[in-house]
C-alpha cells in the first residue's frame, strides 16, 4: 500500500503551558512532553542547549495531556513546571485556572506570532493535518478535497481520523462544508458535524 500527501490541512499549534507552581529548586525544572522521537528531538534542540546556557538541570517526563495537569493541580501534587499541550487543551486549562501567569518582562516573546502569546501559555510549534489516500485503489484520481473525503459514493472505502484530536476533525469538516480556511475559527461545531453527516449521504 502506498500513500500520497497532497493537501495540507490546518496548522494546529502545539503549545507550551506553565503548570501550577514554580520549580522547587531554582536550578532544576521538570518538563513534560510527548515522548518518543519527538521528545528526543526537543531534547537536542531545546532542553539540552537551554540547560547548558542557563546552568540549570532540566528533568524530563512524559504527558498524556490536560488530564495529567488537572490531576496534579487538583491533588495539590504538581511535579511539572512546564508541559506541552495542544491548543484546545491550553484553552481549556487556562479557563479552568490550571496554569500560572507568564511574566513577559522575563520571557522574551520577540519573533513569536502575537496570536500565540497568551497570559498563561505560549505557542511553540505548528503541525499539519493532511489528507492521504491509497494510490493502489484510486491511482491519481483520489480525493482532492475534504468534501471528497466524506463522499463515500465517489470514493468508497473505509476512512480514518484522529481519535484523540477532535479539533482536527471538526476543522476539516468545516472545510468540507466550504468554509474558507481563514474563516474556520471559531469552529461552528454543529455546522461542521452536519457537514460530515451530509457528505456521508
N, C-alpha and C. Protein backbone atom coordinates (compact mmCIF):
# COMPACT_ATOMS: atom_id res chain seq x y z
N UNK A 1 0.85 -1.19 0.00
CA UNK A 1 0.00 0.00 0.00
C UNK A 1 0.88 1.24 0.00
N UNK A 2 0.56 2.19 -0.85
CA UNK A 2 1.29 3.45 -0.87
C UNK A 2 0.36 4.58 -0.49
N UNK A 3 0.94 5.66 -0.04
CA UNK A 3 0.16 6.82 0.37
C UNK A 3 0.76 8.06 -0.25
N UNK A 4 -0.07 9.04 -0.52
CA UNK A 4 0.42 10.29 -1.08
C UNK A 4 -0.15 11.45 -0.28
N UNK A 5 0.73 12.34 0.13
CA UNK A 5 0.28 13.55 0.80
C UNK A 5 0.05 14.60 -0.26
N UNK A 6 -1.17 15.11 -0.34
CA UNK A 6 -1.41 16.04 -1.44
C UNK A 6 -2.16 17.29 -1.04
N UNK A 7 -2.63 17.36 0.16
CA UNK A 7 -3.33 18.57 0.56
C UNK A 7 -3.03 18.86 2.03
N UNK A 8 -2.65 20.08 2.30
CA UNK A 8 -2.37 20.46 3.67
C UNK A 8 -3.65 20.86 4.37
N UNK A 9 -3.81 20.36 5.59
CA UNK A 9 -4.95 20.78 6.39
C UNK A 9 -4.58 22.00 7.21
N UNK A 10 -5.23 22.14 8.34
CA UNK A 10 -4.99 23.29 9.19
C UNK A 10 -3.73 23.11 10.00
N UNK A 11 -3.03 24.20 10.24
CA UNK A 11 -1.90 24.17 11.15
C UNK A 11 -2.43 24.27 12.56
N UNK A 12 -2.21 23.23 13.34
CA UNK A 12 -2.67 23.20 14.72
C UNK A 12 -1.48 23.48 15.62
N UNK A 13 -1.61 24.45 16.51
CA UNK A 13 -0.48 24.82 17.35
C UNK A 13 -0.28 23.81 18.46
N UNK A 14 0.95 23.37 18.65
CA UNK A 14 1.35 22.64 19.84
C UNK A 14 1.86 23.66 20.82
N UNK A 15 1.47 23.61 22.07
CA UNK A 15 1.68 24.75 22.95
C UNK A 15 2.37 24.41 24.25
N UNK A 16 3.13 25.38 24.72
CA UNK A 16 3.86 25.24 25.96
C UNK A 16 3.07 25.92 27.06
N UNK A 17 2.75 25.20 28.13
CA UNK A 17 1.94 25.76 29.20
C UNK A 17 2.64 25.59 30.53
N UNK A 18 2.58 26.61 31.36
CA UNK A 18 3.18 26.52 32.69
C UNK A 18 2.24 25.75 33.60
N UNK A 19 2.78 24.85 34.41
CA UNK A 19 1.96 24.14 35.38
C UNK A 19 1.72 25.03 36.58
N UNK A 20 1.18 24.48 37.66
CA UNK A 20 0.58 25.31 38.68
C UNK A 20 1.55 25.96 39.65
N UNK A 21 2.74 25.42 39.86
CA UNK A 21 3.64 26.01 40.83
C UNK A 21 5.05 26.07 40.26
N UNK A 22 5.90 26.98 40.77
CA UNK A 22 7.27 27.05 40.28
C UNK A 22 8.08 25.86 40.73
N UNK A 23 9.25 25.69 40.12
CA UNK A 23 10.13 24.58 40.48
C UNK A 23 10.53 24.68 41.94
N UNK A 24 10.72 23.52 42.57
CA UNK A 24 11.07 23.51 43.98
C UNK A 24 12.48 24.01 44.22
N UNK A 25 13.32 23.91 43.21
CA UNK A 25 14.68 24.43 43.31
C UNK A 25 14.95 25.30 42.10
N UNK A 26 15.58 26.46 42.33
CA UNK A 26 15.76 27.43 41.26
C UNK A 26 16.64 26.89 40.14
N UNK A 27 17.49 25.90 40.44
CA UNK A 27 18.41 25.40 39.42
C UNK A 27 17.92 24.12 38.77
N UNK A 28 16.69 23.71 39.05
CA UNK A 28 16.14 22.49 38.47
C UNK A 28 14.68 22.71 38.07
N UNK A 29 14.34 22.35 36.84
CA UNK A 29 12.94 22.37 36.42
C UNK A 29 12.61 21.04 35.76
N UNK A 30 11.33 20.71 35.75
CA UNK A 30 10.86 19.48 35.12
C UNK A 30 9.93 19.82 33.96
N UNK A 31 10.24 19.24 32.81
CA UNK A 31 9.47 19.47 31.60
C UNK A 31 8.83 18.16 31.16
N UNK A 32 7.55 18.21 30.80
CA UNK A 32 6.86 17.02 30.31
C UNK A 32 6.43 17.23 28.87
N UNK A 33 6.75 16.27 28.01
CA UNK A 33 6.34 16.33 26.61
C UNK A 33 5.77 14.97 26.21
N UNK A 34 5.75 14.69 24.89
CA UNK A 34 5.01 13.54 24.38
C UNK A 34 5.84 12.28 24.20
N UNK A 35 7.11 12.33 24.56
CA UNK A 35 7.94 11.14 24.49
C UNK A 35 8.38 10.78 23.08
N UNK A 36 9.03 9.62 22.97
CA UNK A 36 9.45 9.11 21.67
C UNK A 36 10.47 9.97 20.96
N UNK A 37 10.52 9.82 19.64
CA UNK A 37 11.50 10.56 18.85
C UNK A 37 11.21 12.06 18.88
N UNK A 38 9.94 12.42 19.09
CA UNK A 38 9.59 13.84 19.18
C UNK A 38 10.30 14.50 20.36
N UNK A 39 10.21 13.87 21.52
CA UNK A 39 10.86 14.45 22.69
C UNK A 39 12.38 14.34 22.60
N UNK A 40 12.87 13.30 21.94
CA UNK A 40 14.31 13.20 21.72
C UNK A 40 14.81 14.39 20.91
N UNK A 41 14.04 14.77 19.89
CA UNK A 41 14.41 15.93 19.07
C UNK A 41 14.35 17.21 19.89
N UNK A 42 13.33 17.33 20.74
CA UNK A 42 13.23 18.51 21.60
C UNK A 42 14.41 18.60 22.56
N UNK A 43 14.84 17.45 23.05
CA UNK A 43 15.97 17.42 23.97
C UNK A 43 17.22 17.99 23.30
N UNK A 44 17.47 17.56 22.07
CA UNK A 44 18.65 18.03 21.35
C UNK A 44 18.53 19.50 20.96
N UNK A 45 17.33 19.89 20.53
CA UNK A 45 17.15 21.25 20.01
C UNK A 45 16.91 22.29 21.09
N UNK A 46 16.22 21.90 22.19
CA UNK A 46 15.80 22.88 23.18
C UNK A 46 16.33 22.61 24.59
N UNK A 47 16.03 21.43 25.11
CA UNK A 47 16.26 21.19 26.53
C UNK A 47 17.75 21.20 26.90
N UNK A 48 18.56 20.44 26.16
CA UNK A 48 19.99 20.40 26.49
C UNK A 48 20.67 21.75 26.28
N UNK A 49 20.44 22.43 25.14
CA UNK A 49 21.07 23.75 24.97
C UNK A 49 20.63 24.76 26.02
N UNK A 50 19.34 24.72 26.40
CA UNK A 50 18.84 25.64 27.42
C UNK A 50 19.47 25.37 28.77
N UNK A 51 19.56 24.10 29.12
CA UNK A 51 20.17 23.73 30.40
C UNK A 51 21.62 24.21 30.46
N UNK A 52 22.34 24.05 29.36
CA UNK A 52 23.74 24.47 29.31
C UNK A 52 23.86 25.98 29.38
N UNK A 53 23.02 26.68 28.64
CA UNK A 53 23.07 28.14 28.59
C UNK A 53 22.75 28.77 29.94
N UNK A 54 21.76 28.22 30.64
CA UNK A 54 21.31 28.79 31.91
C UNK A 54 22.00 28.18 33.13
N UNK A 55 22.74 27.10 32.90
CA UNK A 55 23.41 26.44 34.01
C UNK A 55 22.44 25.78 34.98
N UNK A 56 21.39 25.17 34.42
CA UNK A 56 20.39 24.51 35.25
C UNK A 56 20.26 23.04 34.84
N UNK A 57 19.52 22.29 35.63
CA UNK A 57 19.20 20.91 35.30
C UNK A 57 17.75 20.83 34.83
N UNK A 58 17.53 20.23 33.68
CA UNK A 58 16.18 20.04 33.17
C UNK A 58 15.85 18.55 33.23
N UNK A 59 14.96 18.21 34.14
CA UNK A 59 14.46 16.84 34.23
C UNK A 59 13.30 16.68 33.26
N UNK A 60 13.09 15.45 32.79
CA UNK A 60 12.04 15.22 31.80
C UNK A 60 11.07 14.14 32.24
N UNK A 61 9.83 14.30 31.77
CA UNK A 61 8.78 13.32 31.99
C UNK A 61 7.93 13.30 30.73
N UNK A 62 6.96 12.41 30.67
CA UNK A 62 6.04 12.37 29.53
C UNK A 62 4.62 12.66 30.01
N UNK A 63 3.81 13.18 29.11
CA UNK A 63 2.45 13.56 29.44
C UNK A 63 1.45 12.84 28.55
N UNK A 64 0.25 12.67 29.07
CA UNK A 64 -0.88 12.16 28.28
C UNK A 64 -1.89 13.26 28.01
N UNK A 65 -1.54 14.51 28.39
CA UNK A 65 -2.44 15.61 28.10
C UNK A 65 -2.95 16.33 29.33
N UNK A 66 -3.99 17.12 29.12
CA UNK A 66 -4.51 18.01 30.16
C UNK A 66 -4.97 17.28 31.40
N UNK A 67 -5.48 16.08 31.26
CA UNK A 67 -5.94 15.33 32.43
C UNK A 67 -4.82 15.14 33.44
N UNK A 68 -3.60 14.93 32.96
CA UNK A 68 -2.45 14.79 33.86
C UNK A 68 -2.22 16.07 34.65
N UNK A 69 -2.30 17.21 33.96
CA UNK A 69 -2.10 18.50 34.62
C UNK A 69 -3.20 18.73 35.65
N UNK A 70 -4.44 18.48 35.24
CA UNK A 70 -5.58 18.70 36.13
C UNK A 70 -5.46 17.85 37.40
N UNK A 71 -5.04 16.61 37.23
CA UNK A 71 -4.90 15.71 38.38
C UNK A 71 -3.83 16.22 39.34
N UNK A 72 -2.72 16.70 38.81
CA UNK A 72 -1.66 17.21 39.66
C UNK A 72 -2.10 18.46 40.42
N UNK A 73 -2.79 19.36 39.71
CA UNK A 73 -3.19 20.62 40.33
C UNK A 73 -4.27 20.39 41.38
N UNK A 74 -5.31 19.65 41.03
CA UNK A 74 -6.41 19.44 41.98
C UNK A 74 -5.98 18.58 43.16
N UNK A 75 -4.97 17.73 42.95
CA UNK A 75 -4.47 16.90 44.03
C UNK A 75 -3.37 17.56 44.83
N UNK A 76 -3.07 18.83 44.48
CA UNK A 76 -2.01 19.58 45.16
C UNK A 76 -0.70 18.79 45.17
N UNK A 77 -0.40 18.18 44.02
CA UNK A 77 0.81 17.36 43.91
C UNK A 77 1.49 17.62 42.56
N UNK A 78 1.72 18.90 42.27
CA UNK A 78 2.31 19.28 40.99
C UNK A 78 3.78 18.89 40.95
N UNK A 79 4.16 18.15 39.91
CA UNK A 79 5.56 17.74 39.76
C UNK A 79 6.21 18.30 38.50
N UNK A 80 5.43 18.94 37.63
CA UNK A 80 5.97 19.53 36.41
C UNK A 80 5.98 21.05 36.53
N UNK A 81 6.96 21.67 35.89
CA UNK A 81 7.00 23.13 35.79
C UNK A 81 6.51 23.59 34.42
N UNK A 82 6.79 22.79 33.40
CA UNK A 82 6.40 23.11 32.03
C UNK A 82 5.90 21.83 31.37
N UNK A 83 4.80 21.95 30.63
CA UNK A 83 4.32 20.80 29.86
C UNK A 83 3.80 21.26 28.52
N UNK A 84 3.87 20.39 27.55
CA UNK A 84 3.37 20.71 26.21
C UNK A 84 1.99 20.12 26.03
N UNK A 85 1.07 20.94 25.53
CA UNK A 85 -0.30 20.53 25.28
C UNK A 85 -0.75 21.04 23.92
N UNK A 86 -1.87 20.54 23.44
CA UNK A 86 -2.45 21.08 22.22
C UNK A 86 -3.15 22.40 22.50
N UNK A 87 -3.45 23.14 21.44
CA UNK A 87 -4.08 24.45 21.60
C UNK A 87 -5.41 24.36 22.32
N UNK A 88 -6.20 23.34 21.98
CA UNK A 88 -7.51 23.21 22.61
C UNK A 88 -7.38 22.93 24.10
N UNK A 89 -6.39 22.10 24.47
CA UNK A 89 -6.20 21.80 25.89
C UNK A 89 -5.65 23.01 26.64
N UNK A 90 -4.80 23.79 25.99
CA UNK A 90 -4.31 25.01 26.63
C UNK A 90 -5.46 25.97 26.91
N UNK A 91 -6.36 26.09 25.95
CA UNK A 91 -7.50 26.99 26.13
C UNK A 91 -8.37 26.52 27.29
N UNK A 92 -8.61 25.20 27.37
CA UNK A 92 -9.43 24.67 28.46
C UNK A 92 -8.73 24.82 29.80
N UNK A 93 -7.44 24.48 29.82
CA UNK A 93 -6.69 24.58 31.06
C UNK A 93 -6.61 26.00 31.58
N UNK A 94 -6.47 26.95 30.66
CA UNK A 94 -6.43 28.36 31.04
C UNK A 94 -7.77 28.77 31.64
N UNK A 95 -8.86 28.36 31.01
CA UNK A 95 -10.19 28.70 31.51
C UNK A 95 -10.44 28.10 32.88
N UNK A 96 -9.86 26.92 33.13
CA UNK A 96 -10.03 26.26 34.42
C UNK A 96 -9.08 26.80 35.49
N UNK A 97 -8.16 27.67 35.09
CA UNK A 97 -7.22 28.24 36.04
C UNK A 97 -6.13 27.28 36.48
N UNK A 98 -5.72 26.37 35.58
CA UNK A 98 -4.74 25.35 35.94
C UNK A 98 -3.30 25.82 35.78
N UNK A 99 -3.08 26.95 35.10
CA UNK A 99 -1.73 27.39 34.78
C UNK A 99 -1.37 28.67 35.52
N UNK A 100 -0.07 28.85 35.73
CA UNK A 100 0.44 30.10 36.29
C UNK A 100 0.52 31.16 35.20
N UNK A 101 0.37 32.43 35.58
CA UNK A 101 0.57 33.52 34.63
C UNK A 101 2.05 33.58 34.24
N UNK A 102 2.30 33.94 32.99
CA UNK A 102 3.67 34.08 32.50
C UNK A 102 4.12 35.53 32.60
N UNK A 103 5.36 35.73 32.98
CA UNK A 103 5.92 37.07 33.15
C UNK A 103 6.70 37.45 31.89
N UNK A 104 6.08 38.25 31.04
CA UNK A 104 6.73 38.63 29.79
C UNK A 104 7.75 39.75 29.97
N UNK A 105 7.96 40.18 31.20
CA UNK A 105 9.10 41.03 31.49
C UNK A 105 10.38 40.20 31.56
N UNK A 106 10.20 38.91 31.78
CA UNK A 106 11.32 37.97 31.85
C UNK A 106 11.40 37.13 30.59
N UNK A 107 10.25 36.73 30.07
CA UNK A 107 10.19 35.88 28.87
C UNK A 107 10.24 36.76 27.63
N UNK A 108 11.19 36.47 26.75
CA UNK A 108 11.34 37.22 25.50
C UNK A 108 10.40 36.63 24.45
N UNK A 109 9.39 37.38 24.06
CA UNK A 109 8.43 36.90 23.07
C UNK A 109 8.72 37.44 21.67
N UNK A 110 9.90 38.02 21.50
CA UNK A 110 10.28 38.55 20.20
C UNK A 110 10.25 37.45 19.14
N UNK A 111 9.61 37.72 18.03
CA UNK A 111 9.56 36.76 16.93
C UNK A 111 8.45 35.75 17.01
N UNK A 112 7.69 35.76 18.11
CA UNK A 112 6.56 34.83 18.25
C UNK A 112 5.30 35.51 17.72
N UNK A 113 4.54 34.80 16.93
CA UNK A 113 3.28 35.32 16.42
C UNK A 113 2.43 35.79 17.60
N UNK A 114 2.02 37.06 17.61
CA UNK A 114 1.22 37.58 18.73
C UNK A 114 -0.03 36.76 19.03
N UNK A 115 -0.57 36.09 18.02
CA UNK A 115 -1.76 35.27 18.23
C UNK A 115 -1.48 34.05 19.10
N UNK A 116 -0.19 33.71 19.24
CA UNK A 116 0.18 32.54 20.04
C UNK A 116 0.63 32.91 21.45
N UNK A 117 0.62 34.19 21.76
CA UNK A 117 1.06 34.65 23.08
C UNK A 117 -0.16 34.92 23.96
N UNK A 118 -0.24 34.21 25.08
CA UNK A 118 -1.38 34.33 25.99
C UNK A 118 -0.88 34.57 27.41
N UNK A 119 -1.79 34.86 28.30
CA UNK A 119 -1.41 35.18 29.67
C UNK A 119 -0.69 34.03 30.36
N UNK A 120 -1.10 32.79 30.07
CA UNK A 120 -0.53 31.67 30.81
C UNK A 120 -0.07 30.52 29.91
N UNK A 121 0.01 30.74 28.62
CA UNK A 121 0.63 29.77 27.72
C UNK A 121 1.07 30.47 26.44
N UNK A 122 2.01 29.82 25.75
CA UNK A 122 2.53 30.42 24.52
C UNK A 122 2.78 29.31 23.50
N UNK A 123 2.46 29.59 22.25
CA UNK A 123 2.64 28.60 21.20
C UNK A 123 4.10 28.38 20.87
N UNK A 124 4.47 27.12 20.61
CA UNK A 124 5.87 26.82 20.27
C UNK A 124 6.03 26.12 18.93
N UNK A 125 4.96 25.56 18.37
CA UNK A 125 5.14 24.83 17.12
C UNK A 125 3.81 24.68 16.40
N UNK A 126 3.90 24.36 15.12
CA UNK A 126 2.73 24.06 14.30
C UNK A 126 2.85 22.63 13.78
N UNK A 127 1.72 21.99 13.60
CA UNK A 127 1.69 20.73 12.86
C UNK A 127 0.59 20.84 11.81
N UNK A 128 0.62 19.96 10.85
CA UNK A 128 -0.37 20.00 9.78
C UNK A 128 -1.19 18.72 9.74
N UNK A 129 -2.44 18.85 9.39
CA UNK A 129 -3.31 17.70 9.14
C UNK A 129 -3.41 17.55 7.63
N UNK A 130 -3.09 16.38 7.13
CA UNK A 130 -3.09 16.17 5.69
C UNK A 130 -4.03 15.04 5.30
N UNK A 131 -4.48 15.07 4.07
CA UNK A 131 -5.37 14.04 3.54
C UNK A 131 -4.54 13.11 2.66
N UNK A 132 -4.59 11.82 2.93
CA UNK A 132 -3.85 10.84 2.14
C UNK A 132 -4.81 9.76 1.65
N UNK A 133 -4.41 9.07 0.58
CA UNK A 133 -5.26 8.00 0.05
C UNK A 133 -4.39 6.92 -0.58
N UNK A 134 -4.99 5.78 -0.84
CA UNK A 134 -4.29 4.64 -1.42
C UNK A 134 -4.23 4.77 -2.94
N UNK A 135 -3.03 4.91 -3.45
CA UNK A 135 -2.88 5.02 -4.91
C UNK A 135 -3.12 3.68 -5.60
N UNK A 136 -2.99 2.57 -4.86
CA UNK A 136 -3.27 1.28 -5.50
C UNK A 136 -4.77 1.06 -5.68
N UNK A 137 -5.58 1.89 -5.03
CA UNK A 137 -7.04 1.82 -5.18
C UNK A 137 -7.54 2.90 -6.14
N UNK A 138 -7.06 4.13 -5.95
CA UNK A 138 -7.59 5.26 -6.71
C UNK A 138 -6.65 5.79 -7.78
N UNK A 139 -5.42 5.26 -7.84
CA UNK A 139 -4.47 5.80 -8.80
C UNK A 139 -4.20 7.26 -8.52
N UNK A 140 -4.23 8.08 -9.59
CA UNK A 140 -4.03 9.52 -9.39
C UNK A 140 -5.36 10.27 -9.39
N UNK A 141 -6.46 9.54 -9.21
CA UNK A 141 -7.79 10.15 -9.22
C UNK A 141 -8.45 10.04 -7.84
N UNK A 142 -7.64 10.12 -6.81
CA UNK A 142 -8.15 10.03 -5.45
C UNK A 142 -8.80 11.33 -4.99
N UNK A 143 -9.30 11.35 -3.77
CA UNK A 143 -9.94 12.56 -3.23
C UNK A 143 -8.96 13.72 -3.16
N UNK A 144 -9.44 14.89 -3.57
CA UNK A 144 -8.58 16.08 -3.61
C UNK A 144 -8.96 17.14 -2.58
N UNK A 145 -10.14 17.01 -1.99
CA UNK A 145 -10.62 18.00 -1.02
C UNK A 145 -11.19 17.27 0.19
N UNK A 146 -11.45 18.02 1.26
CA UNK A 146 -12.06 17.41 2.44
C UNK A 146 -13.51 17.03 2.18
N UNK A 147 -14.16 17.72 1.24
CA UNK A 147 -15.51 17.30 0.85
C UNK A 147 -15.43 15.92 0.19
N UNK A 148 -14.39 15.69 -0.62
CA UNK A 148 -14.20 14.37 -1.23
C UNK A 148 -14.00 13.29 -0.16
N UNK A 149 -13.34 13.67 0.92
CA UNK A 149 -13.06 12.70 1.98
C UNK A 149 -14.35 12.06 2.49
N UNK A 150 -15.42 12.86 2.59
CA UNK A 150 -16.69 12.34 3.10
C UNK A 150 -17.61 11.83 1.99
N UNK A 151 -17.19 11.93 0.76
CA UNK A 151 -18.02 11.47 -0.35
C UNK A 151 -17.79 9.97 -0.56
N UNK A 152 -18.58 9.16 0.14
CA UNK A 152 -18.36 7.71 0.11
C UNK A 152 -18.90 7.06 -1.16
N UNK A 153 -19.73 7.77 -1.91
CA UNK A 153 -20.22 7.23 -3.17
C UNK A 153 -19.15 7.32 -4.25
N UNK A 154 -18.52 8.48 -4.35
CA UNK A 154 -17.48 8.68 -5.36
C UNK A 154 -16.18 8.00 -4.96
N UNK A 155 -15.92 7.96 -3.65
CA UNK A 155 -14.68 7.38 -3.14
C UNK A 155 -15.02 6.36 -2.05
N UNK A 156 -15.48 5.19 -2.43
CA UNK A 156 -15.88 4.18 -1.44
C UNK A 156 -14.67 3.64 -0.67
N UNK A 157 -14.94 3.17 0.53
CA UNK A 157 -13.87 2.59 1.34
C UNK A 157 -13.88 3.14 2.75
N UNK A 158 -13.10 2.52 3.60
CA UNK A 158 -13.02 2.92 5.00
C UNK A 158 -12.23 4.22 5.14
N UNK A 159 -12.60 5.02 6.16
CA UNK A 159 -11.91 6.26 6.49
C UNK A 159 -11.28 6.14 7.87
N UNK A 160 -10.32 7.01 8.13
CA UNK A 160 -9.72 7.08 9.46
C UNK A 160 -9.43 8.53 9.81
N UNK A 161 -9.78 8.91 11.03
CA UNK A 161 -9.48 10.23 11.56
C UNK A 161 -8.88 10.07 12.95
N UNK A 162 -8.21 11.09 13.41
CA UNK A 162 -7.60 11.03 14.73
C UNK A 162 -8.66 10.82 15.80
N UNK A 163 -8.43 9.86 16.68
CA UNK A 163 -9.36 9.61 17.76
C UNK A 163 -9.12 10.49 18.97
N UNK A 164 -7.98 11.19 18.98
CA UNK A 164 -7.63 11.98 20.16
C UNK A 164 -7.67 13.48 19.90
N UNK A 165 -7.88 13.88 18.65
CA UNK A 165 -7.85 15.30 18.31
C UNK A 165 -9.16 15.70 17.64
N UNK A 166 -10.19 15.89 18.45
CA UNK A 166 -11.50 16.26 17.90
C UNK A 166 -11.44 17.59 17.17
N UNK A 167 -10.56 18.49 17.61
CA UNK A 167 -10.44 19.79 16.97
C UNK A 167 -10.09 19.63 15.50
N UNK A 168 -9.20 18.69 15.20
CA UNK A 168 -8.81 18.46 13.81
C UNK A 168 -10.00 17.99 12.99
N UNK A 169 -10.79 17.08 13.56
CA UNK A 169 -11.92 16.52 12.83
C UNK A 169 -12.95 17.58 12.48
N UNK A 170 -13.33 18.41 13.46
CA UNK A 170 -14.34 19.42 13.17
C UNK A 170 -13.78 20.52 12.26
N UNK A 171 -12.47 20.73 12.32
CA UNK A 171 -11.86 21.74 11.44
C UNK A 171 -11.94 21.31 9.98
N UNK A 172 -11.58 20.06 9.70
CA UNK A 172 -11.63 19.61 8.31
C UNK A 172 -13.07 19.43 7.85
N UNK A 173 -13.98 19.13 8.78
CA UNK A 173 -15.40 19.06 8.42
C UNK A 173 -15.91 20.43 8.02
N UNK A 174 -15.42 21.47 8.70
CA UNK A 174 -15.79 22.83 8.33
C UNK A 174 -15.28 23.18 6.94
N UNK A 175 -14.05 22.75 6.63
CA UNK A 175 -13.51 22.96 5.29
C UNK A 175 -14.34 22.22 4.25
N UNK A 176 -14.79 21.01 4.61
CA UNK A 176 -15.61 20.23 3.69
C UNK A 176 -16.93 20.94 3.39
N UNK A 177 -17.39 21.70 4.36
CA UNK A 177 -18.65 22.44 4.19
C UNK A 177 -18.47 23.63 3.25
N UNK A 178 -17.22 23.98 2.96
CA UNK A 178 -16.95 25.09 2.05
C UNK A 178 -16.52 26.37 2.74
N UNK A 179 -16.30 26.30 4.04
CA UNK A 179 -15.86 27.48 4.78
C UNK A 179 -14.40 27.78 4.42
N UNK A 180 -14.06 29.02 4.04
CA UNK A 180 -12.67 29.35 3.72
C UNK A 180 -11.75 29.08 4.90
N UNK A 181 -10.52 28.69 4.62
CA UNK A 181 -9.61 28.28 5.68
C UNK A 181 -9.36 29.40 6.69
N UNK A 182 -9.42 30.66 6.25
CA UNK A 182 -9.18 31.76 7.18
C UNK A 182 -10.43 32.14 7.96
N UNK A 183 -11.54 31.42 7.72
CA UNK A 183 -12.79 31.69 8.43
C UNK A 183 -13.23 30.50 9.28
N UNK A 184 -12.40 29.48 9.36
CA UNK A 184 -12.78 28.25 10.07
C UNK A 184 -12.98 28.50 11.56
N UNK A 185 -12.11 29.33 12.16
CA UNK A 185 -12.18 29.55 13.60
C UNK A 185 -12.83 30.88 13.93
N UNK A 186 -13.66 30.92 14.99
CA UNK A 186 -14.04 29.78 15.84
C UNK A 186 -14.93 28.79 15.08
N UNK A 187 -14.73 27.52 15.34
CA UNK A 187 -15.42 26.47 14.59
C UNK A 187 -16.90 26.43 14.94
N UNK A 188 -17.73 26.35 13.91
CA UNK A 188 -19.17 26.11 14.08
C UNK A 188 -19.34 24.60 14.25
N UNK A 189 -19.37 24.13 15.49
CA UNK A 189 -19.39 22.70 15.77
C UNK A 189 -20.59 22.02 15.12
N UNK A 190 -21.78 22.58 15.33
CA UNK A 190 -22.99 21.96 14.77
C UNK A 190 -22.94 21.91 13.25
N UNK A 191 -22.47 23.01 12.65
CA UNK A 191 -22.38 23.05 11.19
C UNK A 191 -21.37 22.07 10.65
N UNK A 192 -20.23 21.94 11.35
CA UNK A 192 -19.19 21.01 10.91
C UNK A 192 -19.68 19.57 10.99
N UNK A 193 -20.36 19.24 12.08
CA UNK A 193 -20.88 17.88 12.23
C UNK A 193 -21.96 17.59 11.18
N UNK A 194 -22.79 18.59 10.90
CA UNK A 194 -23.81 18.41 9.88
C UNK A 194 -23.18 18.19 8.51
N UNK A 195 -22.07 18.87 8.27
CA UNK A 195 -21.35 18.69 7.01
C UNK A 195 -20.93 17.24 6.84
N UNK A 196 -20.39 16.66 7.91
CA UNK A 196 -19.96 15.28 7.85
C UNK A 196 -21.12 14.34 7.58
N UNK A 197 -22.25 14.60 8.22
CA UNK A 197 -23.42 13.74 8.02
C UNK A 197 -23.93 13.82 6.59
N UNK A 198 -23.97 15.05 6.04
CA UNK A 198 -24.46 15.22 4.67
C UNK A 198 -23.54 14.54 3.67
N UNK A 199 -22.24 14.67 3.88
CA UNK A 199 -21.29 14.09 2.94
C UNK A 199 -21.31 12.57 2.99
N UNK A 200 -21.79 12.02 4.11
CA UNK A 200 -21.92 10.58 4.19
C UNK A 200 -23.15 10.09 3.43
N UNK A 201 -23.99 11.04 3.04
CA UNK A 201 -25.19 10.67 2.30
C UNK A 201 -26.29 10.22 3.23
